[in-house]
């Protein structure tokens, strides 16, 4: 089990990025959360098996159809032990 903190910048708010991320994470069996940040970026905490976490991060680099991802910053994080993947408001 690994965990990563991910910050995505670009046109990532108002384009269903959080809901898309939740759906992608759940399809991969990955847990965590995703939230909009006040600076216009999106932040996510992603945890699970390494292959699923890496796959989700790869998908975040493209984002959903109406998003424009400029940069993805990934850092190690502590495992929080969350059981689902949720959108935080």
Protein backbone atom coordinates (compact mmCIF):
# COMPACT_ATOMS: atom_id res chain seq x y z
CA UNK A 1 0.00 0.00 0.00
CA UNK A 2 1.35 3.41 -1.01
CA UNK A 3 0.01 6.95 -0.87
CA UNK A 4 0.67 10.02 -2.99
CA UNK A 5 -0.38 13.66 -2.78
CA UNK A 6 -1.12 15.06 -6.23
CA UNK A 7 -1.66 18.69 -7.26
CA UNK A 8 -2.96 19.35 -10.76
CA UNK A 9 -2.84 22.80 -12.36
CA UNK A 10 -4.39 24.14 -15.54
CA UNK A 11 -8.07 24.43 -16.43
CA UNK A 12 -9.12 21.86 -13.86
CA UNK A 13 -12.02 23.52 -12.02
CA UNK A 14 -15.51 23.79 -13.47
CA UNK A 15 -14.89 20.90 -15.90
CA UNK A 16 -16.06 17.99 -13.68
CA UNK A 17 -12.44 17.14 -12.83
CA UNK A 18 -13.23 16.03 -9.28
CA UNK A 19 -16.16 13.79 -10.25
CA UNK A 20 -14.13 12.29 -13.10
CA UNK A 21 -11.19 11.66 -10.73
CA UNK A 22 -13.50 9.93 -8.23
CA UNK A 23 -14.94 7.69 -10.95
CA UNK A 24 -11.50 6.82 -12.34
CA UNK A 25 -10.15 6.05 -8.86
CA UNK A 26 -13.07 3.83 -7.99
CA UNK A 27 -12.71 1.93 -11.27
CA UNK A 28 -9.08 1.23 -10.32
CA UNK A 29 -9.82 0.26 -6.71
CA UNK A 30 -7.91 3.25 -5.37
CA UNK A 31 -8.94 5.12 -2.20
CA UNK A 32 -8.53 8.75 -1.17
CA UNK A 33 -10.08 12.11 -1.90
CA UNK A 34 -9.99 15.03 -4.34
CA UNK A 35 -10.63 18.71 -3.65
CA UNK A 36 -10.57 22.10 -5.35
CA UNK A 37 -7.96 24.52 -4.02
CA UNK A 38 -8.40 28.28 -3.67
CA UNK A 39 -5.61 28.91 -6.21
CA UNK A 40 -7.58 27.15 -8.99
CA UNK A 41 -5.71 23.86 -8.80
CA UNK A 42 -7.04 20.47 -7.75
CA UNK A 43 -5.44 18.42 -4.98
CA UNK A 44 -5.85 14.71 -4.40
CA UNK A 45 -4.75 12.15 -1.87
CA UNK A 46 -4.45 8.76 -3.57
CA UNK A 47 -3.68 5.47 -1.84
CA UNK A 48 -3.78 1.80 -2.66
CA UNK A 49 -1.72 -0.75 -4.53
CA UNK A 50 1.17 0.82 -6.42
CA UNK A 51 -0.10 -0.20 -9.87
CA UNK A 52 -3.51 1.40 -9.31
CA UNK A 53 -2.06 4.58 -7.81
CA UNK A 54 0.40 4.94 -10.69
CA UNK A 55 -2.35 4.34 -13.27
CA UNK A 56 -4.59 7.00 -11.71
CA UNK A 57 -1.73 9.50 -11.66
CA UNK A 58 -1.13 8.75 -15.33
CA UNK A 59 -4.79 9.42 -16.09
CA UNK A 60 -4.67 12.67 -14.10
CA UNK A 61 -1.94 13.88 -16.45
CA UNK A 62 -4.57 13.92 -19.24
CA UNK A 63 -7.69 14.69 -17.21
CA UNK A 64 -11.29 14.57 -18.43
CA UNK A 65 -12.30 15.76 -21.91
CA UNK A 66 -12.93 19.46 -21.11
CA UNK A 67 -9.93 19.95 -18.82
CA UNK A 68 -6.50 21.28 -19.73
CA UNK A 69 -3.76 19.88 -17.51
CA UNK A 70 -0.66 22.06 -17.43
CA UNK A 71 1.28 20.41 -14.62
CA UNK A 72 1.00 17.49 -12.19
CA UNK A 73 3.07 17.54 -9.01
CA UNK A 74 3.33 14.23 -7.15
CA UNK A 75 4.83 13.69 -3.70
CA UNK A 76 4.90 10.85 -1.20
CA UNK A 77 2.22 10.92 1.48
CA UNK A 78 1.32 8.95 4.59
CA UNK A 79 -1.32 6.27 4.17
CA UNK A 80 -4.53 7.55 5.81
CA UNK A 81 -6.38 4.24 5.66
CA UNK A 82 -9.41 5.63 3.82
CA UNK A 83 -11.73 3.01 2.38
CA UNK A 84 -13.41 4.88 -0.50
CA UNK A 85 -12.60 7.71 -2.89
CA UNK A 86 -14.58 10.87 -2.24
CA UNK A 87 -14.97 14.41 -3.54
CA UNK A 88 -14.29 16.94 -0.80
CA UNK A 89 -15.96 20.33 -0.90
